[in-house]
Amino acid sequence: HMGRKLYETAHSAYKDKTKVKFITFP
């Protein structure tokens, strides 16, 4: 959940949303 939270913070802040990716491994 910490990785997800960091992604959400970055995704919200980045002007170009395509530059932020989050990959989870099952």
mmCIF file of all heavy atoms, coordinates in Angstrom:
data_MODEL
# 
_entry.id   MODEL 
# 
loop_
_atom_site.group_PDB 
_atom_site.id 
_atom_site.type_symbol 
_atom_site.label_atom_id 
_atom_site.label_alt_id 
_atom_site.label_comp_id 
_atom_site.label_asym_id 
_atom_site.label_entity_id 
_atom_site.label_seq_id 
_atom_site.pdbx_PDB_ins_code 
_atom_site.Cartn_x 
_atom_site.Cartn_y 
_atom_site.Cartn_z 
_atom_site.occupancy 
_atom_site.B_iso_or_equiv 
_atom_site.pdbx_formal_charge 
_atom_site.auth_seq_id 
_atom_site.auth_comp_id 
_atom_site.auth_asym_id 
_atom_site.auth_atom_id 
_atom_site.pdbx_PDB_model_num 
ATOM 1   N N   . HIS A 1 1  ? 0.829  -1.210  0.000   1.00 0.00 ? 1  HIS A N   1 
ATOM 2   C CA  . HIS A 1 1  ? 0.000  0.000   0.000   1.00 0.00 ? 1  HIS A CA  1 
ATOM 3   C C   . HIS A 1 1  ? 0.869  1.268   0.000   1.00 0.00 ? 1  HIS A C   1 
ATOM 4   O O   . HIS A 1 1  ? 0.426  2.318   -0.457  1.00 0.00 ? 1  HIS A O   1 
ATOM 5   C CB  . HIS A 1 1  ? -0.998 -0.002  1.173   1.00 0.00 ? 1  HIS A CB  1 
ATOM 6   C CG  . HIS A 1 1  ? -0.408 0.362   2.497   1.00 0.00 ? 1  HIS A CG  1 
ATOM 7   N ND1 . HIS A 1 1  ? 0.099  -0.569  3.365   1.00 0.00 ? 1  HIS A ND1 1 
ATOM 8   C CD2 . HIS A 1 1  ? -0.248 1.568   3.104   1.00 0.00 ? 1  HIS A CD2 1 
ATOM 9   C CE1 . HIS A 1 1  ? 0.548  0.040   4.457   1.00 0.00 ? 1  HIS A CE1 1 
ATOM 10  N NE2 . HIS A 1 1  ? 0.354  1.334   4.322   1.00 0.00 ? 1  HIS A NE2 1 
ATOM 11  N N   . MET A 1 2  ? 2.103  1.168   0.479   1.00 0.00 ? 2  MET A N   1 
ATOM 12  C CA  . MET A 1 2  ? 2.992  2.338   0.470   1.00 0.00 ? 2  MET A CA  1 
ATOM 13  C C   . MET A 1 2  ? 3.413  2.678   -0.961  1.00 0.00 ? 2  MET A C   1 
ATOM 14  O O   . MET A 1 2  ? 3.489  3.848   -1.324  1.00 0.00 ? 2  MET A O   1 
ATOM 15  C CB  . MET A 1 2  ? 4.203  2.102   1.359   1.00 0.00 ? 2  MET A CB  1 
ATOM 16  C CG  . MET A 1 2  ? 3.812  1.919   2.805   1.00 0.00 ? 2  MET A CG  1 
ATOM 17  S SD  . MET A 1 2  ? 5.215  2.035   3.885   1.00 0.00 ? 2  MET A SD  1 
ATOM 18  C CE  . MET A 1 2  ? 4.930  3.683   4.446   1.00 0.00 ? 2  MET A CE  1 
ATOM 19  N N   . GLY A 1 3  ? 3.697  1.666   -1.758  1.00 0.00 ? 3  GLY A N   1 
ATOM 20  C CA  . GLY A 1 3  ? 4.020  1.897   -3.166  1.00 0.00 ? 3  GLY A CA  1 
ATOM 21  C C   . GLY A 1 3  ? 2.840  2.502   -3.909  1.00 0.00 ? 3  GLY A C   1 
ATOM 22  O O   . GLY A 1 3  ? 2.999  3.427   -4.712  1.00 0.00 ? 3  GLY A O   1 
ATOM 23  N N   . ARG A 1 4  ? 1.635  1.986   -3.620  1.00 0.00 ? 4  ARG A N   1 
ATOM 24  C CA  . ARG A 1 4  ? 0.426  2.526   -4.246  1.00 0.00 ? 4  ARG A CA  1 
ATOM 25  C C   . ARG A 1 4  ? 0.212  3.989   -3.851  1.00 0.00 ? 4  ARG A C   1 
ATOM 26  O O   . ARG A 1 4  ? -0.116 4.822   -4.685  1.00 0.00 ? 4  ARG A O   1 
ATOM 27  C CB  . ARG A 1 4  ? -0.790 1.700   -3.823  1.00 0.00 ? 4  ARG A CB  1 
ATOM 28  C CG  . ARG A 1 4  ? -1.267 0.784   -4.894  1.00 0.00 ? 4  ARG A CG  1 
ATOM 29  C CD  . ARG A 1 4  ? -2.541 0.044   -4.523  1.00 0.00 ? 4  ARG A CD  1 
ATOM 30  N NE  . ARG A 1 4  ? -2.265 -1.377  -4.689  1.00 0.00 ? 4  ARG A NE  1 
ATOM 31  C CZ  . ARG A 1 4  ? -1.933 -2.214  -3.730  1.00 0.00 ? 4  ARG A CZ  1 
ATOM 32  N NH1 . ARG A 1 4  ? -1.863 -1.824  -2.489  1.00 0.00 ? 4  ARG A NH1 1 
ATOM 33  N NH2 . ARG A 1 4  ? -1.677 -3.473  -3.986  1.00 0.00 ? 4  ARG A NH2 1 
ATOM 34  N N   . LYS A 1 5  ? 0.401  4.270   -2.581  1.00 0.00 ? 5  LYS A N   1 
ATOM 35  C CA  . LYS A 1 5  ? 0.211  5.641   -2.093  1.00 0.00 ? 5  LYS A CA  1 
ATOM 36  C C   . LYS A 1 5  ? 1.221  6.592   -2.743  1.00 0.00 ? 5  LYS A C   1 
ATOM 37  O O   . LYS A 1 5  ? 0.877  7.710   -3.132  1.00 0.00 ? 5  LYS A O   1 
ATOM 38  C CB  . LYS A 1 5  ? 0.344  5.676   -0.570  1.00 0.00 ? 5  LYS A CB  1 
ATOM 39  C CG  . LYS A 1 5  ? 0.025  7.017   0.046   1.00 0.00 ? 5  LYS A CG  1 
ATOM 40  C CD  . LYS A 1 5  ? 0.061  6.929   1.568   1.00 0.00 ? 5  LYS A CD  1 
ATOM 41  C CE  . LYS A 1 5  ? -0.204 8.269   2.209   1.00 0.00 ? 5  LYS A CE  1 
ATOM 42  N NZ  . LYS A 1 5  ? -0.125 8.200   3.677   1.00 0.00 ? 5  LYS A NZ  1 
ATOM 43  N N   . LEU A 1 6  ? 2.461  6.152   -2.880  1.00 0.00 ? 6  LEU A N   1 
ATOM 44  C CA  . LEU A 1 6  ? 3.478  6.972   -3.528  1.00 0.00 ? 6  LEU A CA  1 
ATOM 45  C C   . LEU A 1 6  ? 3.115  7.210   -4.990  1.00 0.00 ? 6  LEU A C   1 
ATOM 46  O O   . LEU A 1 6  ? 3.248  8.330   -5.501  1.00 0.00 ? 6  LEU A O   1 
ATOM 47  C CB  . LEU A 1 6  ? 4.851  6.314   -3.414  1.00 0.00 ? 6  LEU A CB  1 
ATOM 48  C CG  . LEU A 1 6  ? 6.034  7.147   -3.884  1.00 0.00 ? 6  LEU A CG  1 
ATOM 49  C CD1 . LEU A 1 6  ? 6.166  8.436   -3.079  1.00 0.00 ? 6  LEU A CD1 1 
ATOM 50  C CD2 . LEU A 1 6  ? 7.318  6.334   -3.794  1.00 0.00 ? 6  LEU A CD2 1 
ATOM 51  N N   . TYR A 1 7  ? 2.641  6.173   -5.669  1.00 0.00 ? 7  TYR A N   1 
ATOM 52  C CA  . TYR A 1 7  ? 2.193  6.322   -7.056  1.00 0.00 ? 7  TYR A CA  1 
ATOM 53  C C   . TYR A 1 7  ? 1.061  7.351   -7.148  1.00 0.00 ? 7  TYR A C   1 
ATOM 54  O O   . TYR A 1 7  ? 1.080  8.229   -8.017  1.00 0.00 ? 7  TYR A O   1 
ATOM 55  C CB  . TYR A 1 7  ? 1.729  4.984   -7.624  1.00 0.00 ? 7  TYR A CB  1 
ATOM 56  C CG  . TYR A 1 7  ? 0.943  5.149   -8.898  1.00 0.00 ? 7  TYR A CG  1 
ATOM 57  C CD1 . TYR A 1 7  ? 1.580  5.452   -10.096 1.00 0.00 ? 7  TYR A CD1 1 
ATOM 58  C CD2 . TYR A 1 7  ? -0.445 5.043   -8.897  1.00 0.00 ? 7  TYR A CD2 1 
ATOM 59  C CE1 . TYR A 1 7  ? 0.858  5.637   -11.266 1.00 0.00 ? 7  TYR A CE1 1 
ATOM 60  C CE2 . TYR A 1 7  ? -1.172 5.225   -10.052 1.00 0.00 ? 7  TYR A CE2 1 
ATOM 61  C CZ  . TYR A 1 7  ? -0.523 5.519   -11.235 1.00 0.00 ? 7  TYR A CZ  1 
ATOM 62  O OH  . TYR A 1 7  ? -1.248 5.719   -12.385 1.00 0.00 ? 7  TYR A OH  1 
ATOM 63  N N   . GLU A 1 8  ? 0.076  7.243   -6.288  1.00 0.00 ? 8  GLU A N   1 
ATOM 64  C CA  . GLU A 1 8  ? -1.062 8.166   -6.323  1.00 0.00 ? 8  GLU A CA  1 
ATOM 65  C C   . GLU A 1 8  ? -0.608 9.609   -6.092  1.00 0.00 ? 8  GLU A C   1 
ATOM 66  O O   . GLU A 1 8  ? -1.094 10.530  -6.743  1.00 0.00 ? 8  GLU A O   1 
ATOM 67  C CB  . GLU A 1 8  ? -2.117 7.744   -5.299  1.00 0.00 ? 8  GLU A CB  1 
ATOM 68  C CG  . GLU A 1 8  ? -2.823 6.470   -5.692  1.00 0.00 ? 8  GLU A CG  1 
ATOM 69  C CD  . GLU A 1 8  ? -3.608 5.818   -4.565  1.00 0.00 ? 8  GLU A CD  1 
ATOM 70  O OE1 . GLU A 1 8  ? -3.703 6.409   -3.460  1.00 0.00 ? 8  GLU A OE1 1 
ATOM 71  O OE2 . GLU A 1 8  ? -4.123 4.705   -4.782  1.00 0.00 ? 8  GLU A OE2 1 
ATOM 72  N N   . THR A 1 9  ? 0.341  9.794   -5.178  1.00 0.00 ? 9  THR A N   1 
ATOM 73  C CA  . THR A 1 9  ? 0.882  11.129  -4.927  1.00 0.00 ? 9  THR A CA  1 
ATOM 74  C C   . THR A 1 9  ? 1.566  11.672  -6.176  1.00 0.00 ? 9  THR A C   1 
ATOM 75  O O   . THR A 1 9  ? 1.334  12.810  -6.576  1.00 0.00 ? 9  THR A O   1 
ATOM 76  C CB  . THR A 1 9  ? 1.885  11.096  -3.746  1.00 0.00 ? 9  THR A CB  1 
ATOM 77  O OG1 . THR A 1 9  ? 1.201  10.645  -2.583  1.00 0.00 ? 9  THR A OG1 1 
ATOM 78  C CG2 . THR A 1 9  ? 2.496  12.457  -3.493  1.00 0.00 ? 9  THR A CG2 1 
ATOM 79  N N   . ALA A 1 10 ? 2.403  10.851  -6.788  1.00 0.00 ? 10 ALA A N   1 
ATOM 80  C CA  . ALA A 1 10 ? 3.124  11.275  -7.996  1.00 0.00 ? 10 ALA A CA  1 
ATOM 81  C C   . ALA A 1 10 ? 2.152  11.530  -9.140  1.00 0.00 ? 10 ALA A C   1 
ATOM 82  O O   . ALA A 1 10 ? 2.246  12.554  -9.830  1.00 0.00 ? 10 ALA A O   1 
ATOM 83  C CB  . ALA A 1 10 ? 4.147  10.219  -8.396  1.00 0.00 ? 10 ALA A CB  1 
ATOM 84  N N   . HIS A 1 11 ? 1.231  10.611  -9.344  1.00 0.00 ? 11 HIS A N   1 
ATOM 85  C CA  . HIS A 1 11 ? 0.283  10.735  -10.456 1.00 0.00 ? 11 HIS A CA  1 
ATOM 86  C C   . HIS A 1 11 ? -0.549 12.005  -10.322 1.00 0.00 ? 11 HIS A C   1 
ATOM 87  O O   . HIS A 1 11 ? -0.817 12.686  -11.311 1.00 0.00 ? 11 HIS A O   1 
ATOM 88  C CB  . HIS A 1 11 ? -0.611 9.493   -10.523 1.00 0.00 ? 11 HIS A CB  1 
ATOM 89  C CG  . HIS A 1 11 ? -1.411 9.400   -11.768 1.00 0.00 ? 11 HIS A CG  1 
ATOM 90  N ND1 . HIS A 1 11 ? -2.711 9.815   -11.845 1.00 0.00 ? 11 HIS A ND1 1 
ATOM 91  C CD2 . HIS A 1 11 ? -1.072 8.961   -13.009 1.00 0.00 ? 11 HIS A CD2 1 
ATOM 92  C CE1 . HIS A 1 11 ? -3.157 9.627   -13.063 1.00 0.00 ? 11 HIS A CE1 1 
ATOM 93  N NE2 . HIS A 1 11 ? -2.175 9.106   -13.803 1.00 0.00 ? 11 HIS A NE2 1 
ATOM 94  N N   . SER A 1 12 ? -0.925 12.342  -9.106  1.00 0.00 ? 12 SER A N   1 
ATOM 95  C CA  . SER A 1 12 ? -1.696 13.574  -8.879  1.00 0.00 ? 12 SER A CA  1 
ATOM 96  C C   . SER A 1 12 ? -0.876 14.818  -9.180  1.00 0.00 ? 12 SER A C   1 
ATOM 97  O O   . SER A 1 12 ? -1.403 15.819  -9.660  1.00 0.00 ? 12 SER A O   1 
ATOM 98  C CB  . SER A 1 12 ? -2.185 13.643  -7.433  1.00 0.00 ? 12 SER A CB  1 
ATOM 99  O OG  . SER A 1 12 ? -3.112 12.629  -7.184  1.00 0.00 ? 12 SER A OG  1 
ATOM 100 N N   . ALA A 1 13 ? 0.419  14.766  -8.889  1.00 0.00 ? 13 ALA A N   1 
ATOM 101 C CA  . ALA A 1 13 ? 1.269  15.951  -9.014  1.00 0.00 ? 13 ALA A CA  1 
ATOM 102 C C   . ALA A 1 13 ? 1.846  16.150  -10.420 1.00 0.00 ? 13 ALA A C   1 
ATOM 103 O O   . ALA A 1 13 ? 2.072  17.289  -10.836 1.00 0.00 ? 13 ALA A O   1 
ATOM 104 C CB  . ALA A 1 13 ? 2.417  15.864  -8.010  1.00 0.00 ? 13 ALA A CB  1 
ATOM 105 N N   . TYR A 1 14 ? 2.099  15.068  -11.130 1.00 0.00 ? 14 TYR A N   1 
ATOM 106 C CA  . TYR A 1 14 ? 2.731  15.167  -12.449 1.00 0.00 ? 14 TYR A CA  1 
ATOM 107 C C   . TYR A 1 14 ? 1.799  15.849  -13.448 1.00 0.00 ? 14 TYR A C   1 
ATOM 108 O O   . TYR A 1 14 ? 0.619  15.523  -13.533 1.00 0.00 ? 14 TYR A O   1 
ATOM 109 C CB  . TYR A 1 14 ? 3.085  13.782  -12.985 1.00 0.00 ? 14 TYR A CB  1 
ATOM 110 C CG  . TYR A 1 14 ? 4.509  13.339  -12.731 1.00 0.00 ? 14 TYR A CG  1 
ATOM 111 C CD1 . TYR A 1 14 ? 4.982  13.146  -11.442 1.00 0.00 ? 14 TYR A CD1 1 
ATOM 112 C CD2 . TYR A 1 14 ? 5.371  13.084  -13.782 1.00 0.00 ? 14 TYR A CD2 1 
ATOM 113 C CE1 . TYR A 1 14 ? 6.276  12.710  -11.203 1.00 0.00 ? 14 TYR A CE1 1 
ATOM 114 C CE2 . TYR A 1 14 ? 6.674  12.658  -13.560 1.00 0.00 ? 14 TYR A CE2 1 
ATOM 115 C CZ  . TYR A 1 14 ? 7.115  12.477  -12.271 1.00 0.00 ? 14 TYR A CZ  1 
ATOM 116 O OH  . TYR A 1 14 ? 8.400  12.046  -12.049 1.00 0.00 ? 14 TYR A OH  1 
ATOM 117 N N   . LYS A 1 15 ? 2.348  16.786  -14.195 1.00 0.00 ? 15 LYS A N   1 
ATOM 118 C CA  . LYS A 1 15 ? 1.577  17.425  -15.263 1.00 0.00 ? 15 LYS A CA  1 
ATOM 119 C C   . LYS A 1 15 ? 1.315  16.423  -16.379 1.00 0.00 ? 15 LYS A C   1 
ATOM 120 O O   . LYS A 1 15 ? 0.219  16.342  -16.902 1.00 0.00 ? 15 LYS A O   1 
ATOM 121 C CB  . LYS A 1 15 ? 2.324  18.649  -15.799 1.00 0.00 ? 15 LYS A CB  1 
ATOM 122 C CG  . LYS A 1 15 ? 2.351  19.785  -14.812 1.00 0.00 ? 15 LYS A CG  1 
ATOM 123 C CD  . LYS A 1 15 ? 3.114  20.981  -15.342 1.00 0.00 ? 15 LYS A CD  1 
ATOM 124 C CE  . LYS A 1 15 ? 3.147  22.029  -14.241 1.00 0.00 ? 15 LYS A CE  1 
ATOM 125 N NZ  . LYS A 1 15 ? 4.262  22.915  -14.328 1.00 0.00 ? 15 LYS A NZ  1 
ATOM 126 N N   . ASP A 1 16 ? 2.363  15.666  -16.759 1.00 0.00 ? 16 ASP A N   1 
ATOM 127 C CA  . ASP A 1 16 ? 2.235  14.651  -17.794 1.00 0.00 ? 16 ASP A CA  1 
ATOM 128 C C   . ASP A 1 16 ? 2.035  13.302  -17.109 1.00 0.00 ? 16 ASP A C   1 
ATOM 129 O O   . ASP A 1 16 ? 2.994  12.631  -16.727 1.00 0.00 ? 16 ASP A O   1 
ATOM 130 C CB  . ASP A 1 16 ? 3.482  14.639  -18.680 1.00 0.00 ? 16 ASP A CB  1 
ATOM 131 C CG  . ASP A 1 16 ? 3.388  13.659  -19.840 1.00 0.00 ? 16 ASP A CG  1 
ATOM 132 O OD1 . ASP A 1 16 ? 2.417  12.850  -19.874 1.00 0.00 ? 16 ASP A OD1 1 
ATOM 133 O OD2 . ASP A 1 16 ? 4.282  13.679  -20.699 1.00 0.00 ? 16 ASP A OD2 1 
ATOM 134 N N   . LYS A 1 17 ? 0.791  12.907  -16.972 1.00 0.00 ? 17 LYS A N   1 
ATOM 135 C CA  . LYS A 1 17 ? 0.433  11.681  -16.246 1.00 0.00 ? 17 LYS A CA  1 
ATOM 136 C C   . LYS A 1 17 ? 1.012  10.421  -16.901 1.00 0.00 ? 17 LYS A C   1 
ATOM 137 O O   . LYS A 1 17 ? 1.180  9.409   -16.242 1.00 0.00 ? 17 LYS A O   1 
ATOM 138 C CB  . LYS A 1 17 ? -1.086 11.521  -16.146 1.00 0.00 ? 17 LYS A CB  1 
ATOM 139 C CG  . LYS A 1 17 ? -1.818 12.739  -15.625 1.00 0.00 ? 17 LYS A CG  1 
ATOM 140 C CD  . LYS A 1 17 ? -1.641 12.916  -14.154 1.00 0.00 ? 17 LYS A CD  1 
ATOM 141 C CE  . LYS A 1 17 ? -2.529 14.040  -13.644 1.00 0.00 ? 17 LYS A CE  1 
ATOM 142 N NZ  . LYS A 1 17 ? -1.973 14.741  -12.532 1.00 0.00 ? 17 LYS A NZ  1 
ATOM 143 N N   . THR A 1 18 ? 1.320  10.495  -18.193 1.00 0.00 ? 18 THR A N   1 
ATOM 144 C CA  . THR A 1 18 ? 1.861  9.316   -18.885 1.00 0.00 ? 18 THR A CA  1 
ATOM 145 C C   . THR A 1 18 ? 3.281  8.987   -18.435 1.00 0.00 ? 18 THR A C   1 
ATOM 146 O O   . THR A 1 18 ? 3.781  7.909   -18.720 1.00 0.00 ? 18 THR A O   1 
ATOM 147 C CB  . THR A 1 18 ? 1.851  9.511   -20.411 1.00 0.00 ? 18 THR A CB  1 
ATOM 148 O OG1 . THR A 1 18 ? 2.752  10.572  -20.763 1.00 0.00 ? 18 THR A OG1 1 
ATOM 149 C CG2 . THR A 1 18 ? 0.451  9.825   -20.919 1.00 0.00 ? 18 THR A CG2 1 
ATOM 150 N N   . LYS A 1 19 ? 3.921  9.896   -17.729 1.00 0.00 ? 19 LYS A N   1 
ATOM 151 C CA  . LYS A 1 19 ? 5.295  9.671   -17.268 1.00 0.00 ? 19 LYS A CA  1 
ATOM 152 C C   . LYS A 1 19 ? 5.361  8.896   -15.957 1.00 0.00 ? 19 LYS A C   1 
ATOM 153 O O   . LYS A 1 19 ? 6.450  8.571   -15.489 1.00 0.00 ? 19 LYS A O   1 
ATOM 154 C CB  . LYS A 1 19 ? 6.028  11.002  -17.096 1.00 0.00 ? 19 LYS A CB  1 
ATOM 155 C CG  . LYS A 1 19 ? 6.392  11.665  -18.403 1.00 0.00 ? 19 LYS A CG  1 
ATOM 156 C CD  . LYS A 1 19 ? 7.251  12.881  -18.139 1.00 0.00 ? 19 LYS A CD  1 
ATOM 157 C CE  . LYS A 1 19 ? 7.802  13.458  -19.409 1.00 0.00 ? 19 LYS A CE  1 
ATOM 158 N NZ  . LYS A 1 19 ? 8.722  14.562  -19.128 1.00 0.00 ? 19 LYS A NZ  1 
ATOM 159 N N   . VAL A 1 20 ? 4.218  8.618   -15.364 1.00 0.00 ? 20 VAL A N   1 
ATOM 160 C CA  . VAL A 1 20 ? 4.190  7.911   -14.080 1.00 0.00 ? 20 VAL A CA  1 
ATOM 161 C C   . VAL A 1 20 ? 3.524  6.552   -14.269 1.00 0.00 ? 20 VAL A C   1 
ATOM 162 O O   . VAL A 1 20 ? 2.387  6.481   -14.725 1.00 0.00 ? 20 VAL A O   1 
ATOM 163 C CB  . VAL A 1 20 ? 3.418  8.711   -13.010 1.00 0.00 ? 20 VAL A CB  1 
ATOM 164 C CG1 . VAL A 1 20 ? 3.473  8.010   -11.664 1.00 0.00 ? 20 VAL A CG1 1 
ATOM 165 C CG2 . VAL A 1 20 ? 3.939  10.115  -12.903 1.00 0.00 ? 20 VAL A CG2 1 
ATOM 166 N N   . LYS A 1 21 ? 4.244  5.495   -13.932 1.00 0.00 ? 21 LYS A N   1 
ATOM 167 C CA  . LYS A 1 21 ? 3.724  4.130   -14.076 1.00 0.00 ? 21 LYS A CA  1 
ATOM 168 C C   . LYS A 1 21 ? 3.883  3.375   -12.761 1.00 0.00 ? 21 LYS A C   1 
ATOM 169 O O   . LYS A 1 21 ? 4.838  3.589   -12.022 1.00 0.00 ? 21 LYS A O   1 
ATOM 170 C CB  . LYS A 1 21 ? 4.482  3.360   -15.162 1.00 0.00 ? 21 LYS A CB  1 
ATOM 171 C CG  . LYS A 1 21 ? 4.489  4.015   -16.525 1.00 0.00 ? 21 LYS A CG  1 
ATOM 172 C CD  . LYS A 1 21 ? 3.207  3.800   -17.253 1.00 0.00 ? 21 LYS A CD  1 
ATOM 173 C CE  . LYS A 1 21 ? 3.325  4.344   -18.674 1.00 0.00 ? 21 LYS A CE  1 
ATOM 174 N NZ  . LYS A 1 21 ? 2.149  4.923   -19.171 1.00 0.00 ? 21 LYS A NZ  1 
ATOM 175 N N   . PHE A 1 22 ? 2.946  2.477   -12.527 1.00 0.00 ? 22 PHE A N   1 
ATOM 176 C CA  . PHE A 1 22 ? 2.983  1.630   -11.339 1.00 0.00 ? 22 PHE A CA  1 
ATOM 177 C C   . PHE A 1 22 ? 2.746  0.194   -11.782 1.00 0.00 ? 22 PHE A C   1 
ATOM 178 O O   . PHE A 1 22 ? 1.738  -0.091  -12.435 1.00 0.00 ? 22 PHE A O   1 
ATOM 179 C CB  . PHE A 1 22 ? 1.920  2.079   -10.344 1.00 0.00 ? 22 PHE A CB  1 
ATOM 180 C CG  . PHE A 1 22 ? 1.878  1.298   -9.060  1.00 0.00 ? 22 PHE A CG  1 
ATOM 181 C CD1 . PHE A 1 22 ? 3.008  1.130   -8.293  1.00 0.00 ? 22 PHE A CD1 1 
ATOM 182 C CD2 . PHE A 1 22 ? 0.695  0.754   -8.594  1.00 0.00 ? 22 PHE A CD2 1 
ATOM 183 C CE1 . PHE A 1 22 ? 2.980  0.433   -7.090  1.00 0.00 ? 22 PHE A CE1 1 
ATOM 184 C CE2 . PHE A 1 22 ? 0.644  0.056   -7.396  1.00 0.00 ? 22 PHE A CE2 1 
ATOM 185 C CZ  . PHE A 1 22 ? 1.787  -0.106  -6.643  1.00 0.00 ? 22 PHE A CZ  1 
ATOM 186 N N   . ILE A 1 23 ? 3.658  -0.678  -11.462 1.00 0.00 ? 23 ILE A N   1 
ATOM 187 C CA  . ILE A 1 23 ? 3.532  -2.089  -11.819 1.00 0.00 ? 23 ILE A CA  1 
ATOM 188 C C   . ILE A 1 23 ? 3.588  -2.909  -10.538 1.00 0.00 ? 23 ILE A C   1 
ATOM 189 O O   . ILE A 1 23 ? 4.527  -2.773  -9.748  1.00 0.00 ? 23 ILE A O   1 
ATOM 190 C CB  . ILE A 1 23 ? 4.651  -2.536  -12.780 1.00 0.00 ? 23 ILE A CB  1 
ATOM 191 C CG1 . ILE A 1 23 ? 4.579  -1.739  -14.086 1.00 0.00 ? 23 ILE A CG1 1 
ATOM 192 C CG2 . ILE A 1 23 ? 4.555  -4.037  -13.052 1.00 0.00 ? 23 ILE A CG2 1 
ATOM 193 C CD1 . ILE A 1 23 ? 5.735  -1.988  -15.037 1.00 0.00 ? 23 ILE A CD1 1 
ATOM 194 N N   . THR A 1 24 ? 2.573  -3.746  -10.364 1.00 0.00 ? 24 THR A N   1 
ATOM 195 C CA  . THR A 1 24 ? 2.584  -4.663  -9.231  1.00 0.00 ? 24 THR A CA  1 
ATOM 196 C C   . THR A 1 24 ? 2.838  -6.075  -9.740  1.00 0.00 ? 24 THR A C   1 
ATOM 197 O O   . THR A 1 24 ? 2.505  -6.407  -10.877 1.00 0.00 ? 24 THR A O   1 
ATOM 198 C CB  . THR A 1 24 ? 1.254  -4.631  -8.452  1.00 0.00 ? 24 THR A CB  1 
ATOM 199 O OG1 . THR A 1 24 ? 0.194  -4.975  -9.337  1.00 0.00 ? 24 THR A OG1 1 
ATOM 200 C CG2 . THR A 1 24 ? 1.004  -3.268  -7.848  1.00 0.00 ? 24 THR A CG2 1 
ATOM 201 N N   . PHE A 1 25 ? 3.431  -6.864  -8.892  1.00 0.00 ? 25 PHE A N   1 
ATOM 202 C CA  . PHE A 1 25 ? 3.725  -8.249  -9.216  1.00 0.00 ? 25 PHE A CA  1 
ATOM 203 C C   . PHE A 1 25 ? 2.902  -9.125  -8.293  1.00 0.00 ? 25 PHE A C   1 
ATOM 204 O O   . PHE A 1 25 ? 2.960  -8.966  -7.073  1.00 0.00 ? 25 PHE A O   1 
ATOM 205 C CB  . PHE A 1 25 ? 5.226  -8.522  -9.050  1.00 0.00 ? 25 PHE A CB  1 
ATOM 206 C CG  . PHE A 1 25 ? 6.067  -7.705  -9.979  1.00 0.00 ? 25 PHE A CG  1 
ATOM 207 C CD1 . PHE A 1 25 ? 6.487  -6.430  -9.613  1.00 0.00 ? 25 PHE A CD1 1 
ATOM 208 C CD2 . PHE A 1 25 ? 6.403  -8.174  -11.237 1.00 0.00 ? 25 PHE A CD2 1 
ATOM 209 C CE1 . PHE A 1 25 ? 7.246  -5.652  -10.476 1.00 0.00 ? 25 PHE A CE1 1 
ATOM 210 C CE2 . PHE A 1 25 ? 7.151  -7.406  -12.117 1.00 0.00 ? 25 PHE A CE2 1 
ATOM 211 C CZ  . PHE A 1 25 ? 7.573  -6.147  -11.732 1.00 0.00 ? 25 PHE A CZ  1 
ATOM 212 N N   . PRO A 1 26 ? 2.116  -10.045 -8.864  1.00 0.00 ? 26 PRO A N   1 
ATOM 213 C CA  . PRO A 1 26 ? 1.218  -10.853 -8.045  1.00 0.00 ? 26 PRO A CA  1 
ATOM 214 C C   . PRO A 1 26 ? 1.963  -11.739 -7.045  1.00 0.00 ? 26 PRO A C   1 
ATOM 215 O O   . PRO A 1 26 ? 3.097  -12.155 -7.276  1.00 0.00 ? 26 PRO A O   1 
ATOM 216 C CB  . PRO A 1 26 ? 0.447  -11.702 -9.053  1.00 0.00 ? 26 PRO A CB  1 
ATOM 217 C CG  . PRO A 1 26 ? 1.098  -11.521 -10.366 1.00 0.00 ? 26 PRO A CG  1 
ATOM 218 C CD  . PRO A 1 26 ? 2.031  -10.364 -10.279 1.00 0.00 ? 26 PRO A CD  1 
# 
